[in-house]
Every structure is written in structure tokens, then in C-alpha cells.
Protein backbone atom coordinates (compact mmCIF):
# COMPACT_ATOMS: atom_id res chain seq x y z
CA MET A 1 2.21 -31.13 -12.87
CA LYS A 2 3.93 -27.94 -13.97
CA LEU A 3 0.58 -26.14 -14.06
CA ILE A 4 -0.23 -27.15 -10.49
CA TYR A 5 3.22 -26.06 -9.34
CA VAL A 6 2.99 -22.70 -11.07
CA ILE A 7 -0.48 -22.12 -9.58
CA MET A 8 0.96 -22.85 -6.14
CA ALA A 9 3.87 -20.49 -6.88
CA GLY A 10 1.42 -17.79 -8.02
CA VAL A 11 -0.54 -18.11 -4.79
CA ALA A 12 2.68 -17.92 -2.75
CA GLY A 13 3.92 -14.90 -4.70
CA THR A 14 0.60 -13.09 -4.30
CA ALA A 15 0.54 -13.90 -0.58
CA ALA A 16 4.08 -12.55 -0.16
CA MET A 17 3.18 -9.42 -2.10
CA ASN A 18 0.03 -8.87 -0.03
CA THR A 19 1.96 -9.36 3.20
CA VAL A 20 4.57 -6.77 2.23
CA LEU A 21 1.89 -4.30 1.14
CA TYR A 22 -0.14 -4.79 4.32
CA LEU A 23 2.97 -4.22 6.45
CA LEU A 24 3.91 -1.12 4.45
CA SER A 25 0.35 0.15 4.76
CA LEU A 26 0.44 -0.35 8.52
CA THR A 27 3.79 1.39 8.95
CA THR A 28 3.15 4.30 6.60
CA GLY A 29 -0.59 4.83 7.08
CA ARG A 30 -1.04 4.94 3.28
CA VAL A 31 -3.54 2.96 1.23
CA LEU A 32 -1.40 0.18 -0.24
CA LYS A 33 -3.55 -2.91 0.30
CA ILE A 34 -4.55 -4.26 -3.09
CA PRO A 35 -7.59 -6.43 -2.16
CA PRO A 36 -9.72 -3.65 -0.60
CA LEU A 37 -8.63 -1.15 -3.25
CA LEU A 38 -9.26 -3.55 -6.12
CA GLY A 39 -12.59 -4.71 -4.69
CA THR A 40 -13.74 -1.13 -4.14
CA MET A 41 -12.93 -0.22 -7.73
CA LEU A 42 -14.29 -3.39 -9.33
CA LEU A 43 -17.59 -3.05 -7.47
CA ASN A 44 -17.66 0.75 -7.82
CA ARG A 45 -18.07 1.18 -4.06
CA THR A 46 -15.91 4.23 -3.46
CA HIS A 47 -17.41 6.26 -0.61
CA PRO A 48 -18.49 9.84 -1.40
CA ASP A 49 -15.48 11.12 0.57
CA GLY A 50 -13.13 9.02 -1.59
CA ASN A 51 -12.47 6.30 0.97
CA LEU A 52 -12.46 2.57 0.30
CA SER A 53 -15.42 0.34 1.01
CA GLY A 54 -15.10 -1.63 4.22
CA ALA A 55 -17.67 -4.27 3.24
CA VAL A 56 -16.58 -7.88 3.59
CA SER A 57 -17.86 -8.64 0.09
CA THR A 58 -15.64 -5.89 -1.31
CA HIS A 59 -12.61 -7.41 0.36
CA VAL A 60 -13.54 -10.92 -0.84
CA VAL A 61 -13.97 -9.77 -4.46
CA GLY A 62 -10.66 -7.88 -4.33
CA THR A 63 -8.84 -10.85 -2.81
CA VAL A 64 -10.21 -13.35 -5.33
CA ALA A 65 -9.43 -10.99 -8.22
CA HIS A 66 -5.90 -10.33 -6.96
CA TYR A 67 -5.06 -14.01 -6.46
CA THR A 68 -6.53 -14.84 -9.87
CA VAL A 69 -4.32 -12.22 -11.52
CA GLY A 70 -1.32 -13.48 -9.53
CA ILE A 71 -1.90 -17.01 -10.79
CA LEU A 72 -2.28 -15.74 -14.37
CA TYR A 73 0.98 -13.78 -14.06
CA ALA A 74 2.72 -16.92 -12.74
CA ILE A 75 1.38 -18.91 -15.70
CA GLY A 76 2.84 -16.17 -17.89
CA TYR A 77 6.21 -16.69 -16.19
CA LEU A 78 6.00 -20.41 -16.99
CA ALA A 79 5.15 -19.60 -20.60
CA LEU A 80 8.24 -17.37 -20.79
CA TRP A 81 10.48 -20.03 -19.27
CA GLU A 82 9.06 -22.77 -21.50
CA SER A 83 9.60 -20.62 -24.60
CA GLY A 84 13.25 -20.02 -23.69
CA VAL A 85 12.91 -16.50 -22.30
CA GLY A 86 14.89 -16.40 -19.07
CA THR A 87 15.58 -19.20 -16.64
CA ILE A 88 14.20 -20.22 -13.29
CA THR A 89 16.78 -18.30 -11.24
CA ALA A 90 16.72 -15.56 -8.62
CA SER A 91 18.03 -12.91 -10.99
CA TRP A 92 15.47 -13.75 -13.69
CA GLY A 93 12.70 -13.85 -11.08
CA LEU A 94 13.65 -10.35 -9.95
CA LEU A 95 13.92 -9.10 -13.53
CA ILE A 96 10.61 -10.59 -14.67
CA GLY A 97 9.03 -9.26 -11.46
CA PHE A 98 10.32 -5.78 -12.31
CA GLY A 99 8.84 -5.99 -15.81
CA ASN A 100 5.65 -7.34 -14.32
CA GLY A 101 5.59 -4.37 -11.92
CA ILE A 102 5.99 -1.85 -14.74
CA PHE A 103 3.12 -3.53 -16.58
CA ALA A 104 0.96 -3.52 -13.41
CA MET A 105 1.76 0.14 -12.83
CA ILE A 106 0.53 1.02 -16.32
CA ILE A 107 -2.65 -1.06 -15.92
CA TRP A 108 -3.44 0.49 -12.52
CA TYR A 109 -2.76 4.01 -13.84
CA PHE A 110 -5.27 3.56 -16.66
CA PHE A 111 -7.72 1.84 -14.31
CA PHE A 112 -7.67 4.98 -12.14
CA MET A 113 -7.98 7.24 -15.18
CA ILE A 114 -11.06 5.50 -16.63
CA HIS A 115 -12.80 4.63 -13.35
CA PRO A 116 -15.93 6.75 -12.74
CA ARG A 117 -15.17 7.23 -9.01
CA PRO A 118 -11.62 6.21 -8.13
CA PRO A 119 -10.67 6.26 -4.46
CA HIS A 120 -8.61 9.20 -3.22
CA ILE A 121 -5.10 7.84 -2.71
CA GLN A 122 -1.56 9.05 -3.36
CA LEU A 123 -1.48 7.44 -6.80
CA GLU A 124 2.16 8.12 -7.68
CA ARG A 125 3.44 6.51 -4.47
CA TYR A 126 1.03 3.62 -4.86
CA LEU A 127 2.23 2.95 -8.41
CA LEU A 128 5.90 3.00 -7.38
CA THR A 129 5.15 0.66 -4.51
CA LEU A 130 3.50 -1.71 -6.99
CA VAL A 131 6.77 -2.01 -8.90
CA PHE A 132 8.65 -2.89 -5.71
CA SER A 133 6.01 -5.39 -4.60
CA HIS A 134 5.98 -7.11 -8.00
CA ILE A 135 9.74 -7.60 -7.77
CA ILE A 136 9.05 -9.52 -4.55
CA PHE A 137 6.23 -11.38 -6.32
CA GLY A 138 8.54 -12.38 -9.17
CA PHE A 139 11.23 -13.60 -6.79
CA VAL A 140 8.81 -15.65 -4.67
CA VAL A 141 7.09 -17.19 -7.71
CA THR A 142 10.45 -18.21 -9.13
CA PHE A 143 11.75 -19.48 -5.78
CA VAL A 144 8.66 -21.59 -5.03
CA TYR A 145 8.36 -22.96 -8.56
CA PHE A 146 12.04 -23.89 -8.60
CA HIS A 147 11.77 -25.74 -5.29
CA LEU A 148 8.66 -27.60 -6.39
CA THR A 149 10.21 -28.70 -9.68
CA HIS A 150 13.85 -29.16 -8.56
CA PRO A 151 13.72 -30.26 -4.90
CA GLU A 152 17.14 -31.90 -5.12
CA HIS A 153 18.96 -28.74 -6.29
CA SER A 154 19.91 -25.53 -4.55
CA PHE A 155 18.22 -22.38 -5.82
CA TRP A 156 21.30 -20.30 -4.97
CA GLN A 157 23.85 -22.12 -7.16
């Protein structure tokens, strides 16, 4: 049952992260949406002018890939908790999310460096935003998992 709960928490965390990034993208006008960016890079569909692909299939591939990674990260959180690293609390969720964000920032940086035609975006700002959004991811994963596994207890105590 724990695996099902952590998958649900991973989906919720990824959805929260995507929502925040979409809202930030709308308000700032910057490319911050992971699914179209990830899909464009995975399928090597960067336009000649450096813009992202607008194809539906690109967005679908990016979305599936992002949610898959989110679920894998959440399973990693469960593995940490089960091995005695941290606890299922708000502070640990934020801390693990921060570490997760640093790791994601490094992965994305190298992905851009080795990609044959990376999109033209403000990479430094994007990478910093990833850290912030993974903190949200970590909190939501922890919050949802806690409530699924401890419905009779308060998360805030």
C-alpha cells in the first residue's frame, strides 16, 4: 500500500510543481514549463530559432516523462524514510525537496550542455526556479503521503 500512496504523492507533487511553474511562466513571460521543454529536448525538436516545439506529441512526451521522474523521486523519498533518513514532516519535506532541487538543477545543466540543439532560454534563472519548485514538490509529496498513511494525525504537530 505504501507504494501506491507514494505514487499518488509523486503525482500530486509533480502536479503542484507544474502548476507553480505554469503560473510563474504566465506572469513572467519566461520559459519555465517543464513538459514542453523536456519534450522538446527529449525528441530533439528545438526550432531553428531556438524556440520550443508546439506539437501535441512533444507536450505529451514531456508530461509523461516529467510525471514518471516525479514518481521516481517520490519513491526515493520513501526509500530515505524507510532507511531512517529523515521523517515524514513538513521540515524534512522542504529539506529533501531542496536537495532534490539541487540535484535536478545539476541534471538539467548537463542536459543543456550535452544536448545537440538546446532551446534558447535564460538557463540560470530556469535552474534557480527549479530549486524553488522542487522545494514545493518535496513539501507536497510529504504532505500527501503523510495524510494517506496517517489520516488520524495532524501533519502540523
